[in-house]
Amino acid sequence: MVHRTGQKPHAGIRLEAYEKTGVLPSLSDLFKMTHATSDGIFVDPASEKLFNAVASRVEERETQLTQQSPDGLPVKLTTEEVAPRKNGRIVGIGSINKVAKATSYASRRDEENSHLRARMDSQ
């Protein structure tokens, strides 16, 4: 699947976004960052098709679970819960289950890693 990040792993991009904003981007946001231009145009029709299919599945499943909820409160799912998988990886994203894994891809000092983990654990 075509993306616009070159050889930089998606896990590293997710970590960089966290460092800039202090908020871990959702997989949906990460997919947009890596497969669409800054104006939101996907670089590949297959990427757009996958993004739209997953977004529809999330919405459909949330509606279904909300209707089944005994208290009637809305249910919120993450992309990870409905995204298609192949060989243990999320299609179009890879394997980035935790940002801590991303630190092995980035050249960061041990001190910076400890600081990031501490910030993530405190949230």
Protein backbone atom coordinates (compact mmCIF):
# COMPACT_ATOMS: atom_id res chain seq x y z
CA MET A 1 0.00 0.00 0.00
CA VAL A 2 1.42 3.36 -1.02
CA HIS A 3 2.30 5.80 1.77
CA ARG A 4 4.26 9.01 1.95
CA THR A 5 6.70 8.37 4.77
CA GLY A 6 9.58 6.75 2.92
CA GLN A 7 11.64 4.41 5.08
CA LYS A 8 10.56 5.96 8.37
CA PRO A 9 8.44 3.43 10.31
CA HIS A 10 4.88 4.38 11.17
CA ALA A 11 5.67 3.69 14.81
CA GLY A 12 8.35 6.39 14.68
CA ILE A 13 5.94 8.84 13.10
CA ARG A 14 3.40 8.11 15.83
CA LEU A 15 6.07 8.74 18.47
CA GLU A 16 7.10 12.04 16.86
CA ALA A 17 3.47 13.19 16.79
CA TYR A 18 3.19 12.31 20.48
CA GLU A 19 6.33 14.29 21.26
CA LYS A 20 5.02 17.36 19.40
CA THR A 21 1.48 17.38 20.77
CA GLY A 22 1.62 15.35 23.96
CA VAL A 23 -1.29 13.28 22.63
CA LEU A 24 -0.92 9.88 21.06
CA PRO A 25 -2.61 9.98 17.63
CA SER A 26 -5.29 7.39 16.99
CA LEU A 27 -4.60 4.80 14.34
CA SER A 28 -7.13 6.56 12.14
CA ASP A 29 -5.20 9.83 12.49
CA LEU A 30 -1.90 8.02 11.92
CA PHE A 31 -3.26 6.42 8.76
CA LYS A 32 -4.27 9.87 7.47
CA MET A 33 -0.84 11.30 8.36
CA THR A 34 0.97 8.54 6.49
CA HIS A 35 -1.33 7.93 3.52
CA ALA A 36 -2.82 11.35 2.72
CA THR A 37 -1.41 14.74 1.85
CA SER A 38 -1.76 17.70 4.21
CA ASP A 39 -4.95 18.73 2.39
CA GLY A 40 -6.52 15.30 3.03
CA ILE A 41 -6.13 13.75 -0.43
CA PHE A 42 -5.08 10.09 -0.25
CA VAL A 43 -2.01 9.19 -2.29
CA ASP A 44 -3.49 5.87 -3.37
CA PRO A 45 -7.09 4.81 -4.14
CA ALA A 46 -6.58 1.58 -2.16
CA SER A 47 -5.61 3.62 0.91
CA GLU A 48 -8.73 5.75 0.65
CA LYS A 49 -10.91 2.69 0.17
CA LEU A 50 -9.42 0.99 3.25
CA PHE A 51 -9.75 4.14 5.37
CA ASN A 52 -13.40 4.60 4.42
CA ALA A 53 -14.19 0.91 4.98
CA VAL A 54 -12.67 0.93 8.47
CA ALA A 55 -14.40 4.21 9.38
CA SER A 56 -17.73 2.71 8.28
CA ARG A 57 -17.08 -0.44 10.33
CA VAL A 58 -16.27 1.63 13.42
CA GLU A 59 -19.46 3.67 13.05
CA GLU A 60 -21.61 0.61 12.34
CA ARG A 61 -20.23 -1.35 15.28
CA GLU A 62 -20.56 1.63 17.66
CA THR A 63 -24.21 2.03 16.67
CA GLN A 64 -24.84 -1.68 17.15
CA LEU A 65 -23.17 -1.78 20.57
CA THR A 66 -24.93 1.41 21.71
CA GLN A 67 -28.30 -0.09 20.80
CA GLN A 68 -27.42 -3.26 22.75
CA SER A 69 -26.13 -1.31 25.74
CA PRO A 70 -28.38 -1.79 28.80
CA ASP A 71 -27.82 1.79 29.97
CA GLY A 72 -28.24 3.29 26.49
CA LEU A 73 -24.99 5.22 26.73
CA PRO A 74 -23.00 5.65 23.51
CA VAL A 75 -20.17 3.18 22.94
CA LYS A 76 -16.87 4.40 21.49
CA LEU A 77 -14.52 2.03 19.71
CA THR A 78 -11.00 2.55 18.47
CA THR A 79 -9.79 1.79 14.98
CA GLU A 80 -7.66 -1.00 16.43
CA GLU A 81 -10.79 -2.91 17.46
CA VAL A 82 -12.17 -3.18 13.92
CA ALA A 83 -9.19 -2.66 11.60
CA PRO A 84 -8.41 -5.55 9.27
CA ARG A 85 -5.35 -7.60 10.18
CA LYS A 86 -2.97 -9.69 8.16
CA ASN A 87 -0.17 -11.76 9.70
CA GLY A 88 -0.68 -10.06 13.07
CA ARG A 89 -0.33 -6.55 11.65
CA ILE A 90 -2.91 -3.87 11.00
CA VAL A 91 -3.30 -3.48 7.25
CA GLY A 92 -1.79 -0.19 6.08
CA ILE A 93 -0.22 0.58 9.46
CA GLY A 94 1.92 -2.39 10.44
CA SER A 95 2.56 -3.43 14.00
CA ILE A 96 2.52 -0.47 16.35
CA ASN A 97 0.66 -1.77 19.33
CA LYS A 98 2.51 0.50 21.76
CA VAL A 99 4.48 3.68 21.28
CA ALA A 100 7.20 2.21 23.48
CA LYS A 101 8.01 -0.08 20.54
CA ALA A 102 8.58 2.99 18.41
CA THR A 103 11.53 4.01 20.54
CA SER A 104 13.50 1.08 19.17
CA TYR A 105 13.15 2.59 15.70
CA ALA A 106 14.07 6.12 16.68
CA SER A 107 17.53 7.15 17.77
CA ARG A 108 16.71 8.51 21.21
CA ARG A 109 18.82 8.67 24.32
CA ASP A 110 17.80 6.41 27.21
CA GLU A 111 16.93 9.44 29.31
CA GLU A 112 14.45 10.71 26.71
CA ASN A 113 12.85 7.26 26.53
CA SER A 114 12.40 7.11 30.29
CA HIS A 115 10.83 10.56 30.30
CA LEU A 116 8.37 9.66 27.53
CA ARG A 117 7.33 6.41 29.20
CA ALA A 118 6.77 8.20 32.48
CA ARG A 119 4.56 10.79 30.75
CA MET A 120 2.57 8.09 28.96
CA ASP A 121 2.07 6.06 32.17
CA SER A 122 0.82 9.12 34.03
CA GLN A 123 -1.99 9.73 31.52
